[in-house]
Amino acid sequence: MYASGEYIVYYSDIDQITEIWEKRTTSGNIVLMTLWKDGRNIGYDKMFSDEYVYFRKKVFNL
Protein backbone atom coordinates (compact mmCIF):
# COMPACT_ATOMS: atom_id res chain seq x y z
CA MET A 1 0.00 0.00 0.00
CA TYR A 2 1.22 3.51 -0.82
CA ALA A 3 0.11 6.89 0.56
CA SER A 4 -0.08 9.19 -2.47
CA GLY A 5 -0.91 12.83 -1.87
CA GLU A 6 -4.44 12.62 -0.47
CA TYR A 7 -5.02 9.01 -1.54
CA ILE A 8 -4.18 5.51 -0.33
CA VAL A 9 -3.22 3.42 -3.37
CA TYR A 10 -2.22 -0.22 -3.72
CA TYR A 11 0.91 -0.66 -5.82
CA SER A 12 -0.90 -3.34 -7.82
CA ASP A 13 -3.64 -0.84 -8.78
CA ILE A 14 -1.22 1.45 -10.65
CA ASP A 15 -0.97 0.65 -14.36
CA GLN A 16 0.55 3.94 -15.57
CA ILE A 17 2.69 6.74 -14.14
CA THR A 18 2.84 10.12 -15.86
CA GLU A 19 5.64 12.54 -15.04
CA ILE A 20 4.27 16.09 -14.92
CA TRP A 21 7.63 17.79 -14.42
CA GLU A 22 11.11 17.28 -13.03
CA LYS A 23 12.96 20.14 -11.33
CA ARG A 24 16.49 20.46 -10.09
CA THR A 25 16.83 21.72 -6.52
CA THR A 26 19.78 22.17 -4.18
CA SER A 27 18.77 18.90 -2.48
CA GLY A 28 18.40 16.91 -5.74
CA ASN A 29 16.00 16.44 -8.64
CA ILE A 30 12.30 16.27 -7.77
CA VAL A 31 9.68 14.54 -9.93
CA LEU A 32 5.95 15.38 -9.82
CA MET A 33 3.81 12.52 -11.10
CA THR A 34 0.25 11.31 -11.42
CA LEU A 35 -0.81 7.70 -10.93
CA TRP A 36 -3.38 6.01 -13.18
CA LYS A 37 -5.51 2.87 -13.34
CA ASP A 38 -7.64 2.10 -16.38
CA GLY A 39 -7.30 5.71 -17.61
CA ARG A 40 -8.50 7.14 -14.29
CA ASN A 41 -6.32 9.31 -12.04
CA ILE A 42 -5.95 7.51 -8.71
CA GLY A 43 -3.26 9.63 -7.08
CA TYR A 44 -0.33 11.97 -7.36
CA ASP A 45 2.92 12.66 -5.58
CA LYS A 46 6.33 14.24 -5.79
CA MET A 47 9.59 12.64 -4.76
CA PHE A 48 13.30 12.81 -5.34
CA SER A 49 14.42 11.13 -8.57
CA ASP A 50 16.27 8.29 -6.79
CA GLU A 51 13.09 7.48 -4.84
CA TYR A 52 11.11 7.72 -8.07
CA VAL A 53 13.32 5.10 -9.74
CA TYR A 54 12.78 2.76 -6.77
CA PHE A 55 9.02 3.49 -6.81
CA ARG A 56 8.72 2.60 -10.52
CA LYS A 57 10.60 -0.66 -9.92
CA LYS A 58 8.22 -1.55 -7.09
CA VAL A 59 5.08 -0.67 -9.07
CA PHE A 60 6.08 -2.42 -12.29
CA ASN A 61 8.04 -5.27 -10.66
CA LEU A 62 11.22 -4.41 -12.56
PDB file of N, CA and C in Angstrom:
ATOM      1  N   MET A   1       0.848  -1.163   0.000  1.00  0.00           N
ATOM      2  CA  MET A   1       0.000   0.000   0.000  1.00  0.00           C
ATOM      3  C   MET A   1       0.903   1.237   0.000  1.00  0.00           C
ATOM      4  N   TYR A   2       0.439   2.294  -0.646  1.00  0.00           N
ATOM      5  CA  TYR A   2       1.225   3.508  -0.818  1.00  0.00           C
ATOM      6  C   TYR A   2       0.345   4.721  -0.534  1.00  0.00           C
ATOM      7  N   ALA A   3       0.824   5.645   0.287  1.00  0.00           N
ATOM      8  CA  ALA A   3       0.112   6.888   0.558  1.00  0.00           C
ATOM      9  C   ALA A   3       0.544   7.917  -0.480  1.00  0.00           C
ATOM     10  N   SER A   4      -0.372   8.298  -1.347  1.00  0.00           N
ATOM     11  CA  SER A   4      -0.078   9.190  -2.470  1.00  0.00           C
ATOM     12  C   SER A   4      -0.867  10.475  -2.330  1.00  0.00           C
ATOM     13  N   GLY A   5      -0.190  11.563  -2.011  1.00  0.00           N
ATOM     14  CA  GLY A   5      -0.911  12.827  -1.865  1.00  0.00           C
ATOM     15  C   GLY A   5      -2.041  12.666  -0.877  1.00  0.00           C
ATOM     16  N   GLU A   6      -3.265  12.765  -1.328  1.00  0.00           N
ATOM     17  CA  GLU A   6      -4.445  12.624  -0.474  1.00  0.00           C
ATOM     18  C   GLU A   6      -5.062  11.237  -0.554  1.00  0.00           C
ATOM     19  N   TYR A   7      -4.428  10.308  -1.263  1.00  0.00           N
ATOM     20  CA  TYR A   7      -5.016   9.007  -1.541  1.00  0.00           C
ATOM     21  C   TYR A   7      -4.198   7.875  -0.923  1.00  0.00           C
ATOM     22  N   ILE A   8      -4.853   6.761  -0.649  1.00  0.00           N
ATOM     23  CA  ILE A   8      -4.177   5.509  -0.327  1.00  0.00           C
ATOM     24  C   ILE A   8      -4.338   4.621  -1.553  1.00  0.00           C
ATOM     25  N   VAL A   9      -3.213   4.165  -2.113  1.00  0.00           N
ATOM     26  CA  VAL A   9      -3.220   3.419  -3.370  1.00  0.00           C
ATOM     27  C   VAL A   9      -2.444   2.121  -3.179  1.00  0.00           C
ATOM     28  N   TYR A  10      -2.970   1.027  -3.700  1.00  0.00           N
ATOM     29  CA  TYR A  10      -2.217  -0.223  -3.719  1.00  0.00           C
ATOM     30  C   TYR A  10      -1.286  -0.205  -4.923  1.00  0.00           C
ATOM     31  N   TYR A  11      -0.046  -0.623  -4.717  1.00  0.00           N
ATOM     32  CA  TYR A  11       0.914  -0.659  -5.823  1.00  0.00           C
ATOM     33  C   TYR A  11       0.337  -1.415  -7.017  1.00  0.00           C
ATOM     34  N   SER A  12      -0.357  -2.501  -6.742  1.00  0.00           N
ATOM     35  CA  SER A  12      -0.897  -3.341  -7.823  1.00  0.00           C
ATOM     36  C   SER A  12      -1.999  -2.640  -8.616  1.00  0.00           C
ATOM     37  N   ASP A  13      -2.594  -1.578  -8.072  1.00  0.00           N
ATOM     38  CA  ASP A  13      -3.643  -0.837  -8.780  1.00  0.00           C
ATOM     39  C   ASP A  13      -3.076   0.098  -9.845  1.00  0.00           C
ATOM     40  N   ILE A  14      -1.807   0.471  -9.738  1.00  0.00           N
ATOM     41  CA  ILE A  14      -1.220   1.450 -10.646  1.00  0.00           C
ATOM     42  C   ILE A  14      -0.823   0.763 -11.950  1.00  0.00           C
ATOM     43  N   ASP A  15      -1.369   1.233 -13.078  1.00  0.00           N
ATOM     44  CA  ASP A  15      -0.967   0.652 -14.360  1.00  0.00           C
ATOM     45  C   ASP A  15      -0.241   1.658 -15.258  1.00  0.00           C
ATOM     46  N   GLN A  16      -0.177   2.923 -14.809  1.00  0.00           N
ATOM     47  CA  GLN A  16       0.554   3.938 -15.570  1.00  0.00           C
ATOM     48  C   GLN A  16       0.992   5.054 -14.618  1.00  0.00           C
ATOM     49  N   ILE A  17       2.179   5.583 -14.887  1.00  0.00           N
ATOM     50  CA  ILE A  17       2.688   6.736 -14.142  1.00  0.00           C
ATOM     51  C   ILE A  17       3.048   7.800 -15.166  1.00  0.00           C
ATOM     52  N   THR A  18       2.537   9.004 -14.959  1.00  0.00           N
ATOM     53  CA  THR A  18       2.839  10.116 -15.857  1.00  0.00           C
ATOM     54  C   THR A  18       3.653  11.159 -15.105  1.00  0.00           C
ATOM     55  N   GLU A  19       4.814  11.483 -15.631  1.00  0.00           N
ATOM     56  CA  GLU A  19       5.636  12.536 -15.039  1.00  0.00           C
ATOM     57  C   GLU A  19       5.103  13.889 -15.520  1.00  0.00           C
ATOM     58  N   ILE A  20       4.766  14.762 -14.593  1.00  0.00           N
ATOM     59  CA  ILE A  20       4.272  16.095 -14.922  1.00  0.00           C
ATOM     60  C   ILE A  20       5.451  17.030 -15.161  1.00  0.00           C
ATOM     61  N   TRP A  21       6.409  17.020 -14.248  1.00  0.00           N
ATOM     62  CA  TRP A  21       7.634  17.793 -14.420  1.00  0.00           C
ATOM     63  C   TRP A  21       8.735  17.229 -13.538  1.00  0.00           C
ATOM     64  N   GLU A  22       9.953  17.607 -13.859  1.00  0.00           N
ATOM     65  CA  GLU A  22      11.113  17.285 -13.028  1.00  0.00           C
ATOM     66  C   GLU A  22      11.899  18.578 -12.852  1.00  0.00           C
ATOM     67  N   LYS A  23      12.243  18.892 -11.613  1.00  0.00           N
ATOM     68  CA  LYS A  23      12.961  20.136 -11.330  1.00  0.00           C
ATOM     69  C   LYS A  23      14.216  19.841 -10.526  1.00  0.00           C
ATOM     70  N   ARG A  24      15.243  20.567 -10.834  1.00  0.00           N
ATOM     71  CA  ARG A  24      16.494  20.464 -10.094  1.00  0.00           C
ATOM     72  C   ARG A  24      16.429  21.411  -8.902  1.00  0.00           C
ATOM     73  N   THR A  25      16.764  20.903  -7.718  1.00  0.00           N
ATOM     74  CA  THR A  25      16.831  21.724  -6.515  1.00  0.00           C
ATOM     75  C   THR A  25      18.213  21.548  -5.891  1.00  0.00           C
ATOM     76  N   THR A  26      18.496  22.307  -4.862  1.00  0.00           N
ATOM     77  CA  THR A  26      19.785  22.172  -4.182  1.00  0.00           C
ATOM     78  C   THR A  26      19.894  20.837  -3.452  1.00  0.00           C
ATOM     79  N   SER A  27      18.761  20.203  -3.165  1.00  0.00           N
ATOM     80  CA  SER A  27      18.766  18.903  -2.479  1.00  0.00           C
ATOM     81  C   SER A  27      18.726  17.726  -3.444  1.00  0.00           C
ATOM     82  N   GLY A  28      18.496  17.974  -4.743  1.00  0.00           N
ATOM     83  CA  GLY A  28      18.400  16.910  -5.740  1.00  0.00           C
ATOM     84  C   GLY A  28      17.254  17.175  -6.697  1.00  0.00           C
ATOM     85  N   ASN A  29      17.092  16.314  -7.676  1.00  0.00           N
ATOM     86  CA  ASN A  29      15.997  16.443  -8.645  1.00  0.00           C
ATOM     87  C   ASN A  29      14.703  15.916  -8.043  1.00  0.00           C
ATOM     88  N   ILE A  30      13.622  16.658  -8.268  1.00  0.00           N
ATOM     89  CA  ILE A  30      12.301  16.266  -7.768  1.00  0.00           C
ATOM     90  C   ILE A  30      11.391  16.002  -8.965  1.00  0.00           C
ATOM     91  N   VAL A  31      10.619  14.926  -8.881  1.00  0.00           N
ATOM     92  CA  VAL A  31       9.676  14.536  -9.933  1.00  0.00           C
ATOM     93  C   VAL A  31       8.257  14.651  -9.383  1.00  0.00           C
ATOM     94  N   LEU A  32       7.384  15.349 -10.126  1.00  0.00           N
ATOM     95  CA  LEU A  32       5.955  15.383  -9.820  1.00  0.00           C
ATOM     96  C   LEU A  32       5.281  14.423 -10.778  1.00  0.00           C
ATOM     97  N   MET A  33       4.420  13.553 -10.260  1.00  0.00           N
ATOM     98  CA  MET A  33       3.812  12.516 -11.104  1.00  0.00           C
ATOM     99  C   MET A  33       2.351  12.311 -10.736  1.00  0.00           C
ATOM    100  N   THR A  34       1.611  11.760 -11.682  1.00  0.00           N
ATOM    101  CA  THR A  34       0.253  11.310 -11.418  1.00  0.00           C
ATOM    102  C   THR A  34       0.211   9.805 -11.629  1.00  0.00           C
ATOM    103  N   LEU A  35      -0.670   9.159 -10.886  1.00  0.00           N
ATOM    104  CA  LEU A  35      -0.814   7.702 -10.933  1.00  0.00           C
ATOM    105  C   LEU A  35      -2.163   7.366 -11.552  1.00  0.00           C
ATOM    106  N   TRP A  36      -2.181   6.341 -12.419  1.00  0.00           N
ATOM    107  CA  TRP A  36      -3.380   6.007 -13.182  1.00  0.00           C
ATOM    108  C   TRP A  36      -3.721   4.527 -13.078  1.00  0.00           C
ATOM    109  N   LYS A  37      -5.007   4.239 -13.187  1.00  0.00           N
ATOM    110  CA  LYS A  37      -5.509   2.868 -13.339  1.00  0.00           C
ATOM    111  C   LYS A  37      -6.679   2.934 -14.307  1.00  0.00           C
ATOM    112  N   ASP A  38      -6.574   2.167 -15.373  1.00  0.00           N
ATOM    113  CA  ASP A  38      -7.641   2.102 -16.380  1.00  0.00           C
ATOM    114  C   ASP A  38      -8.037   3.487 -16.887  1.00  0.00           C
ATOM    115  N   GLY A  39      -7.048   4.372 -17.086  1.00  0.00           N
ATOM    116  CA  GLY A  39      -7.304   5.706 -17.611  1.00  0.00           C
ATOM    117  C   GLY A  39      -7.871   6.686 -16.607  1.00  0.00           C
ATOM    118  N   ARG A  40      -7.936   6.290 -15.346  1.00  0.00           N
ATOM    119  CA  ARG A  40      -8.496   7.143 -14.288  1.00  0.00           C
ATOM    120  C   ARG A  40      -7.391   7.541 -13.324  1.00  0.00           C
ATOM    121  N   ASN A  41      -7.319   8.824 -12.987  1.00  0.00           N
ATOM    122  CA  ASN A  41      -6.320   9.315 -12.045  1.00  0.00           C
ATOM    123  C   ASN A  41      -6.655   8.794 -10.651  1.00  0.00           C
ATOM    124  N   ILE A  42      -5.706   8.060 -10.045  1.00  0.00           N
ATOM    125  CA  ILE A  42      -5.955   7.509  -8.712  1.00  0.00           C
ATOM    126  C   ILE A  42      -5.009   8.085  -7.654  1.00  0.00           C
ATOM    127  N   GLY A  43      -4.156   9.019  -8.057  1.00  0.00           N
ATOM    128  CA  GLY A  43      -3.260   9.625  -7.076  1.00  0.00           C
ATOM    129  C   GLY A  43      -2.210  10.489  -7.732  1.00  0.00           C
ATOM    130  N   TYR A  44      -1.416  11.130  -6.886  1.00  0.00           N
ATOM    131  CA  TYR A  44      -0.332  11.973  -7.359  1.00  0.00           C
ATOM    132  C   TYR A  44       0.705  12.064  -6.252  1.00  0.00           C
ATOM    133  N   ASP A  45       1.893  12.476  -6.598  1.00  0.00           N
ATOM    134  CA  ASP A  45       2.922  12.665  -5.581  1.00  0.00           C
ATOM    135  C   ASP A  45       4.125  13.344  -6.196  1.00  0.00           C
ATOM    136  N   LYS A  46       5.035  13.758  -5.333  1.00  0.00           N
ATOM    137  CA  LYS A  46       6.325  14.244  -5.788  1.00  0.00           C
ATOM    138  C   LYS A  46       7.375  13.594  -4.904  1.00  0.00           C
ATOM    139  N   MET A  47       8.509  13.284  -5.499  1.00  0.00           N
ATOM    140  CA  MET A  47       9.593  12.644  -4.760  1.00  0.00           C
ATOM    141  C   MET A  47      10.905  12.895  -5.466  1.00  0.00           C
ATOM    142  N   PHE A  48      11.978  12.671  -4.739  1.00  0.00           N
ATOM    143  CA  PHE A  48      13.298  12.809  -5.344  1.00  0.00           C
ATOM    144  C   PHE A  48      13.479  11.733  -6.409  1.00  0.00           C
ATOM    145  N   SER A  49      14.281  12.028  -7.418  1.00  0.00           N
ATOM    146  CA  SER A  49      14.423  11.135  -8.571  1.00  0.00           C
ATOM    147  C   SER A  49      14.925   9.749  -8.190  1.00  0.00           C
ATOM    148  N   ASP A  50      15.818   9.630  -7.194  1.00  0.00           N
ATOM    149  CA  ASP A  50      16.275   8.292  -6.794  1.00  0.00           C
ATOM    150  C   ASP A  50      15.142   7.493  -6.151  1.00  0.00           C
ATOM    151  N   GLU A  51      14.271   8.147  -5.391  1.00  0.00           N
ATOM    152  CA  GLU A  51      13.088   7.480  -4.836  1.00  0.00           C
ATOM    153  C   GLU A  51      12.113   7.105  -5.944  1.00  0.00           C
ATOM    154  N   TYR A  52      12.003   7.961  -6.941  1.00  0.00           N
ATOM    155  CA  TYR A  52      11.106   7.718  -8.074  1.00  0.00           C
ATOM    156  C   TYR A  52      11.525   6.464  -8.840  1.00  0.00           C
ATOM    157  N   VAL A  53      12.815   6.298  -9.055  1.00  0.00           N
ATOM    158  CA  VAL A  53      13.319   5.095  -9.737  1.00  0.00           C
ATOM    159  C   VAL A  53      12.931   3.859  -8.941  1.00  0.00           C
ATOM    160  N   TYR A  54      13.149   3.884  -7.632  1.00  0.00           N
ATOM    161  CA  TYR A  54      12.779   2.757  -6.769  1.00  0.00           C
ATOM    162  C   TYR A  54      11.266   2.515  -6.821  1.00  0.00           C
ATOM    163  N   PHE A  55      10.477   3.591  -6.775  1.00  0.00           N
ATOM    164  CA  PHE A  55       9.018   3.491  -6.807  1.00  0.00           C
ATOM    165  C   PHE A  55       8.549   2.800  -8.088  1.00  0.00           C
ATOM    166  N   ARG A  56       9.089   3.222  -9.240  1.00  0.00           N
ATOM    167  CA  ARG A  56       8.716   2.600 -10.523  1.00  0.00           C
ATOM    168  C   ARG A  56       9.049   1.113 -10.531  1.00  0.00           C
ATOM    169  N   LYS A  57      10.208   0.765  -9.988  1.00  0.00           N
ATOM    170  CA  LYS A  57      10.598  -0.658  -9.920  1.00  0.00           C
ATOM    171  C   LYS A  57       9.597  -1.442  -9.086  1.00  0.00           C
ATOM    172  N   LYS A  58       9.173  -0.865  -7.979  1.00  0.00           N
ATOM    173  CA  LYS A  58       8.222  -1.553  -7.094  1.00  0.00           C
ATOM    174  C   LYS A  58       6.863  -1.685  -7.777  1.00  0.00           C
ATOM    175  N   VAL A  59       6.398  -0.634  -8.421  1.00  0.00           N
ATOM    176  CA  VAL A  59       5.079  -0.668  -9.073  1.00  0.00           C
ATOM    177  C   VAL A  59       5.053  -1.654 -10.238  1.00  0.00           C
ATOM    178  N   PHE A  60       6.080  -1.612 -11.081  1.00  0.00           N
ATOM    179  CA  PHE A  60       6.077  -2.418 -12.291  1.00  0.00           C
ATOM    180  C   PHE A  60       6.898  -3.705 -12.166  1.00  0.00           C
ATOM    181  N   ASN A  61       7.294  -4.050 -10.946  1.00  0.00           N
ATOM    182  CA  ASN A  61       8.045  -5.274 -10.663  1.00  0.00           C
ATOM    183  C   ASN A  61       9.254  -5.443 -11.550  1.00  0.00           C
ATOM    184  N   LEU A  62      10.012  -4.378 -11.710  1.00  0.00           N
ATOM    185  CA  LEU A  62      11.221  -4.415 -12.555  1.00  0.00           C
ATOM    186  C   LEU A  62      12.411  -4.925 -11.788  1.00  0.00           C
TER     187      LEU A  62
END
